[in-house]
Amino acid sequence: MIRTDAPMARTTDPVSSHIANSKIKNNVTLADNIICAVRNIYAQTPGFGVTDDQILEFVEALTQKRQQRNVIARARGLLERDGLLERIPSINNSRVAVRPNKEWAGNGV
């Protein structure tokens, strides 16, 4: 689950950003789906990081609903900040790549 006590938008961001961010951090299902995506994809290709595009594709297939990439990326960043995901170097260094945090890797979602 995403921590709700830390600020997510910059103070200079428009009000709409703060509203959108509050919806993201309260969306437990989205967080669970992202963690599930990272665990499943990483298990198939250990050692290679999971990108936001891969997470997006997995979550869309799982939910059968179109997702916004920026929302997936923001939520992934929050999960990373909270220690549930760990950033690793991507193969082509052009995308953010993550893997499950070693402490959480064995826990099923």
N, C-alpha and C. Protein backbone atom coordinates (compact mmCIF):
# COMPACT_ATOMS: atom_id res chain seq x y z
N MET A 1 0.84 -1.17 0.00
CA MET A 1 0.00 0.00 0.00
C MET A 1 0.89 1.24 0.00
N ILE A 2 0.41 2.28 -0.61
CA ILE A 2 1.15 3.53 -0.71
C ILE A 2 0.95 4.35 0.57
N ARG A 3 2.06 4.86 1.11
CA ARG A 3 1.97 5.72 2.29
C ARG A 3 1.15 6.95 1.97
N THR A 4 0.32 7.35 2.89
CA THR A 4 -0.53 8.52 2.66
C THR A 4 -0.08 9.74 3.43
N ASP A 5 0.99 9.63 4.22
CA ASP A 5 1.41 10.74 5.06
C ASP A 5 2.42 11.67 4.40
N ALA A 6 2.98 11.27 3.27
CA ALA A 6 4.01 12.08 2.62
C ALA A 6 3.40 12.89 1.47
N PRO A 7 3.83 14.13 1.30
CA PRO A 7 3.30 14.93 0.19
C PRO A 7 3.73 14.35 -1.15
N MET A 8 2.86 14.47 -2.15
CA MET A 8 3.16 13.88 -3.44
C MET A 8 3.33 14.92 -4.54
N ALA A 9 2.67 16.04 -4.44
CA ALA A 9 2.79 17.07 -5.46
C ALA A 9 3.64 18.21 -4.90
N ARG A 10 4.31 18.90 -5.80
CA ARG A 10 5.09 20.07 -5.38
C ARG A 10 4.11 21.18 -4.98
N THR A 11 4.54 22.04 -4.08
CA THR A 11 3.67 23.11 -3.63
C THR A 11 3.33 24.08 -4.76
N THR A 12 4.17 24.12 -5.79
CA THR A 12 3.91 25.02 -6.91
C THR A 12 3.00 24.39 -7.98
N ASP A 13 2.67 23.11 -7.82
CA ASP A 13 1.79 22.44 -8.78
C ASP A 13 0.37 22.98 -8.68
N PRO A 14 -0.39 22.90 -9.78
CA PRO A 14 -1.78 23.36 -9.73
C PRO A 14 -2.62 22.46 -8.82
N VAL A 15 -3.75 22.97 -8.39
CA VAL A 15 -4.64 22.25 -7.49
C VAL A 15 -5.04 20.90 -8.10
N SER A 16 -5.23 20.87 -9.41
CA SER A 16 -5.64 19.62 -10.06
C SER A 16 -4.60 18.51 -9.84
N SER A 17 -3.33 18.86 -9.78
CA SER A 17 -2.29 17.86 -9.51
C SER A 17 -2.42 17.28 -8.12
N HIS A 18 -2.73 18.13 -7.15
CA HIS A 18 -2.91 17.65 -5.78
C HIS A 18 -4.12 16.74 -5.68
N ILE A 19 -5.18 17.07 -6.38
CA ILE A 19 -6.39 16.24 -6.38
C ILE A 19 -6.09 14.88 -7.02
N ALA A 20 -5.44 14.91 -8.18
CA ALA A 20 -5.10 13.65 -8.86
C ALA A 20 -4.18 12.80 -8.00
N ASN A 21 -3.19 13.42 -7.36
CA ASN A 21 -2.26 12.67 -6.52
C ASN A 21 -2.96 12.04 -5.32
N SER A 22 -3.93 12.74 -4.74
CA SER A 22 -4.63 12.16 -3.60
C SER A 22 -5.43 10.95 -4.02
N LYS A 23 -5.95 10.95 -5.24
CA LYS A 23 -6.68 9.78 -5.75
C LYS A 23 -5.73 8.61 -5.97
N ILE A 24 -4.53 8.89 -6.46
CA ILE A 24 -3.55 7.82 -6.71
C ILE A 24 -3.13 7.18 -5.40
N LYS A 25 -2.79 7.99 -4.41
CA LYS A 25 -2.27 7.42 -3.17
C LYS A 25 -3.33 6.67 -2.37
N ASN A 26 -4.61 6.92 -2.65
CA ASN A 26 -5.67 6.20 -1.96
C ASN A 26 -6.17 5.00 -2.74
N ASN A 27 -5.59 4.72 -3.90
CA ASN A 27 -6.03 3.62 -4.75
C ASN A 27 -5.20 2.36 -4.43
N VAL A 28 -5.66 1.61 -3.44
CA VAL A 28 -4.96 0.40 -3.01
C VAL A 28 -4.96 -0.64 -4.12
N THR A 29 -6.04 -0.74 -4.86
CA THR A 29 -6.12 -1.73 -5.95
C THR A 29 -5.05 -1.46 -7.00
N LEU A 30 -4.85 -0.20 -7.37
CA LEU A 30 -3.82 0.15 -8.34
C LEU A 30 -2.44 -0.26 -7.82
N ALA A 31 -2.17 0.05 -6.57
CA ALA A 31 -0.87 -0.31 -5.97
C ALA A 31 -0.68 -1.82 -6.00
N ASP A 32 -1.70 -2.57 -5.62
CA ASP A 32 -1.62 -4.03 -5.63
C ASP A 32 -1.40 -4.56 -7.04
N ASN A 33 -2.08 -3.97 -8.03
CA ASN A 33 -1.93 -4.41 -9.42
C ASN A 33 -0.53 -4.13 -9.94
N ILE A 34 0.04 -3.00 -9.57
CA ILE A 34 1.40 -2.66 -10.00
C ILE A 34 2.41 -3.62 -9.38
N ILE A 35 2.27 -3.89 -8.10
CA ILE A 35 3.18 -4.83 -7.43
C ILE A 35 3.05 -6.22 -8.06
N CYS A 36 1.83 -6.64 -8.33
CA CYS A 36 1.58 -7.92 -8.98
C CYS A 36 2.25 -7.96 -10.35
N ALA A 37 2.12 -6.89 -11.11
CA ALA A 37 2.73 -6.81 -12.44
C ALA A 37 4.24 -6.93 -12.36
N VAL A 38 4.84 -6.17 -11.46
CA VAL A 38 6.31 -6.19 -11.34
C VAL A 38 6.79 -7.58 -10.92
N ARG A 39 6.12 -8.18 -9.96
CA ARG A 39 6.53 -9.52 -9.51
C ARG A 39 6.42 -10.54 -10.62
N ASN A 40 5.32 -10.52 -11.35
CA ASN A 40 5.11 -11.50 -12.42
C ASN A 40 6.09 -11.32 -13.57
N ILE A 41 6.25 -10.09 -14.02
CA ILE A 41 7.15 -9.82 -15.14
C ILE A 41 8.60 -10.10 -14.75
N TYR A 42 8.98 -9.67 -13.55
CA TYR A 42 10.35 -9.87 -13.09
C TYR A 42 10.65 -11.36 -12.91
N ALA A 43 9.67 -12.13 -12.47
CA ALA A 43 9.87 -13.58 -12.30
C ALA A 43 10.14 -14.26 -13.64
N GLN A 44 9.56 -13.73 -14.71
CA GLN A 44 9.77 -14.30 -16.04
C GLN A 44 11.11 -13.89 -16.64
N THR A 45 11.61 -12.74 -16.22
CA THR A 45 12.88 -12.23 -16.76
C THR A 45 13.75 -11.71 -15.63
N PRO A 46 14.19 -12.59 -14.72
CA PRO A 46 14.98 -12.12 -13.57
C PRO A 46 16.26 -11.44 -14.02
N GLY A 47 16.59 -10.39 -13.32
CA GLY A 47 17.79 -9.64 -13.67
C GLY A 47 17.51 -8.45 -14.57
N PHE A 48 16.39 -8.50 -15.27
CA PHE A 48 16.00 -7.39 -16.13
C PHE A 48 14.92 -6.59 -15.43
N GLY A 49 15.06 -5.29 -15.40
CA GLY A 49 14.07 -4.45 -14.75
C GLY A 49 12.76 -4.42 -15.51
N VAL A 50 11.72 -4.02 -14.81
CA VAL A 50 10.38 -3.91 -15.37
C VAL A 50 10.10 -2.42 -15.61
N THR A 51 9.68 -2.07 -16.82
CA THR A 51 9.43 -0.67 -17.16
C THR A 51 7.97 -0.30 -16.95
N ASP A 52 7.70 1.00 -16.94
CA ASP A 52 6.33 1.48 -16.81
C ASP A 52 5.46 0.99 -17.97
N ASP A 53 6.03 0.89 -19.16
CA ASP A 53 5.27 0.39 -20.32
C ASP A 53 4.83 -1.06 -20.08
N GLN A 54 5.73 -1.88 -19.53
CA GLN A 54 5.37 -3.27 -19.23
C GLN A 54 4.31 -3.35 -18.14
N ILE A 55 4.46 -2.50 -17.12
CA ILE A 55 3.47 -2.46 -16.04
C ILE A 55 2.12 -2.04 -16.61
N LEU A 56 2.11 -1.02 -17.45
CA LEU A 56 0.88 -0.53 -18.06
C LEU A 56 0.18 -1.64 -18.82
N GLU A 57 0.92 -2.34 -19.66
CA GLU A 57 0.35 -3.42 -20.48
C GLU A 57 -0.23 -4.52 -19.59
N PHE A 58 0.48 -4.89 -18.53
CA PHE A 58 0.02 -5.94 -17.63
C PHE A 58 -1.25 -5.51 -16.89
N VAL A 59 -1.25 -4.29 -16.35
CA VAL A 59 -2.40 -3.82 -15.59
C VAL A 59 -3.62 -3.67 -16.49
N GLU A 60 -3.43 -3.20 -17.72
CA GLU A 60 -4.55 -3.10 -18.66
C GLU A 60 -5.12 -4.48 -18.97
N ALA A 61 -4.26 -5.46 -19.16
CA ALA A 61 -4.74 -6.83 -19.42
C ALA A 61 -5.45 -7.39 -18.19
N LEU A 62 -4.92 -7.10 -17.02
CA LEU A 62 -5.50 -7.61 -15.77
C LEU A 62 -6.88 -7.00 -15.50
N THR A 63 -6.99 -5.70 -15.70
CA THR A 63 -8.23 -5.00 -15.36
C THR A 63 -9.20 -4.89 -16.53
N GLN A 64 -8.71 -5.16 -17.74
CA GLN A 64 -9.52 -4.99 -18.96
C GLN A 64 -10.02 -3.55 -19.10
N LYS A 65 -9.20 -2.61 -18.61
CA LYS A 65 -9.52 -1.18 -18.70
C LYS A 65 -8.29 -0.43 -19.14
N ARG A 66 -8.51 0.62 -19.91
CA ARG A 66 -7.42 1.50 -20.33
C ARG A 66 -6.89 2.22 -19.11
N GLN A 67 -5.58 2.30 -19.01
CA GLN A 67 -4.93 2.99 -17.90
C GLN A 67 -4.10 4.14 -18.45
N GLN A 68 -3.87 5.15 -17.63
CA GLN A 68 -3.03 6.27 -18.03
C GLN A 68 -1.59 5.97 -17.59
N ARG A 69 -0.67 6.07 -18.55
CA ARG A 69 0.73 5.76 -18.25
C ARG A 69 1.28 6.67 -17.15
N ASN A 70 0.91 7.94 -17.16
CA ASN A 70 1.43 8.85 -16.14
C ASN A 70 0.94 8.48 -14.74
N VAL A 71 -0.26 7.94 -14.64
CA VAL A 71 -0.79 7.50 -13.34
C VAL A 71 -0.03 6.26 -12.87
N ILE A 72 0.21 5.33 -13.80
CA ILE A 72 0.99 4.13 -13.48
C ILE A 72 2.40 4.54 -13.01
N ALA A 73 3.02 5.46 -13.75
CA ALA A 73 4.38 5.90 -13.42
C ALA A 73 4.41 6.59 -12.06
N ARG A 74 3.42 7.42 -11.79
CA ARG A 74 3.38 8.12 -10.50
C ARG A 74 3.20 7.13 -9.35
N ALA A 75 2.27 6.20 -9.51
CA ALA A 75 2.03 5.21 -8.46
C ALA A 75 3.25 4.31 -8.28
N ARG A 76 3.90 3.93 -9.38
CA ARG A 76 5.12 3.12 -9.30
C ARG A 76 6.20 3.88 -8.53
N GLY A 77 6.31 5.16 -8.80
CA GLY A 77 7.28 5.99 -8.08
C GLY A 77 7.01 6.04 -6.59
N LEU A 78 5.74 6.08 -6.22
CA LEU A 78 5.38 6.10 -4.80
C LEU A 78 5.70 4.76 -4.14
N LEU A 79 5.45 3.68 -4.86
CA LEU A 79 5.78 2.36 -4.33
C LEU A 79 7.29 2.20 -4.19
N GLU A 80 8.01 2.79 -5.10
CA GLU A 80 9.47 2.79 -5.04
C GLU A 80 9.93 3.61 -3.82
N ARG A 81 9.35 4.78 -3.66
CA ARG A 81 9.69 5.64 -2.52
C ARG A 81 9.41 4.94 -1.20
N ASP A 82 8.33 4.16 -1.16
CA ASP A 82 7.93 3.49 0.07
C ASP A 82 8.67 2.17 0.31
N GLY A 83 9.59 1.82 -0.61
CA GLY A 83 10.44 0.66 -0.41
C GLY A 83 9.87 -0.65 -0.91
N LEU A 84 8.73 -0.64 -1.58
CA LEU A 84 8.14 -1.88 -2.08
C LEU A 84 8.75 -2.30 -3.41
N LEU A 85 9.25 -1.33 -4.16
CA LEU A 85 9.94 -1.59 -5.42
C LEU A 85 11.32 -0.96 -5.35
N GLU A 86 12.24 -1.51 -6.12
CA GLU A 86 13.61 -1.02 -6.12
C GLU A 86 14.03 -0.68 -7.55
N ARG A 87 14.55 0.52 -7.75
CA ARG A 87 15.00 0.93 -9.08
C ARG A 87 16.33 0.28 -9.40
N ILE A 88 16.45 -0.22 -10.62
CA ILE A 88 17.70 -0.81 -11.09
C ILE A 88 18.02 -0.23 -12.47
N PRO A 89 19.26 -0.30 -12.89
CA PRO A 89 19.60 0.23 -14.22
C PRO A 89 18.85 -0.54 -15.30
N SER A 90 18.29 0.19 -16.25
CA SER A 90 17.63 -0.47 -17.37
C SER A 90 18.67 -0.90 -18.39
N ILE A 91 18.30 -1.79 -19.26
CA ILE A 91 19.24 -2.32 -20.24
C ILE A 91 19.71 -1.23 -21.19
N ASN A 92 18.77 -0.45 -21.69
CA ASN A 92 19.15 0.59 -22.66
C ASN A 92 19.23 1.98 -22.03
N ASN A 93 19.09 2.05 -20.70
CA ASN A 93 19.19 3.31 -19.95
C ASN A 93 18.25 4.39 -20.42
N SER A 94 17.20 4.03 -21.14
CA SER A 94 16.27 5.05 -21.62
C SER A 94 14.98 5.06 -20.82
N ARG A 95 14.75 4.07 -20.00
CA ARG A 95 13.52 3.98 -19.22
C ARG A 95 13.83 3.64 -17.77
N VAL A 96 12.94 4.03 -16.89
CA VAL A 96 13.04 3.61 -15.49
C VAL A 96 12.73 2.13 -15.44
N ALA A 97 13.53 1.39 -14.70
CA ALA A 97 13.30 -0.04 -14.53
C ALA A 97 13.31 -0.35 -13.04
N VAL A 98 12.38 -1.20 -12.61
CA VAL A 98 12.27 -1.57 -11.20
C VAL A 98 12.18 -3.07 -11.07
N ARG A 99 12.39 -3.53 -9.85
CA ARG A 99 12.18 -4.92 -9.49
C ARG A 99 11.55 -4.93 -8.10
N PRO A 100 10.99 -6.08 -7.71
CA PRO A 100 10.43 -6.13 -6.35
C PRO A 100 11.55 -5.94 -5.34
N ASN A 101 11.27 -5.25 -4.26
CA ASN A 101 12.24 -5.12 -3.19
C ASN A 101 12.49 -6.52 -2.63
N LYS A 102 13.74 -6.84 -2.35
CA LYS A 102 14.11 -8.18 -1.91
C LYS A 102 13.31 -8.64 -0.68
N GLU A 103 12.99 -7.71 0.22
CA GLU A 103 12.22 -8.06 1.41
C GLU A 103 10.80 -8.49 1.04
N TRP A 104 10.26 -7.89 -0.01
CA TRP A 104 8.86 -8.12 -0.38
C TRP A 104 8.73 -9.13 -1.51
N ALA A 105 9.82 -9.54 -2.13
CA ALA A 105 9.77 -10.37 -3.34
C ALA A 105 9.04 -11.69 -3.13
N GLY A 106 9.11 -12.26 -1.95
CA GLY A 106 8.48 -13.55 -1.73
C GLY A 106 7.02 -13.48 -1.33
N ASN A 107 6.54 -12.30 -1.00
CA ASN A 107 5.16 -12.16 -0.54
C ASN A 107 4.21 -12.08 -1.73
N GLY A 108 3.20 -12.90 -1.75
CA GLY A 108 2.23 -12.88 -2.85
C GLY A 108 1.25 -11.73 -2.70
N VAL A 109 0.72 -11.30 -3.82
CA VAL A 109 -0.30 -10.25 -3.80
C VAL A 109 -1.60 -10.87 -4.18
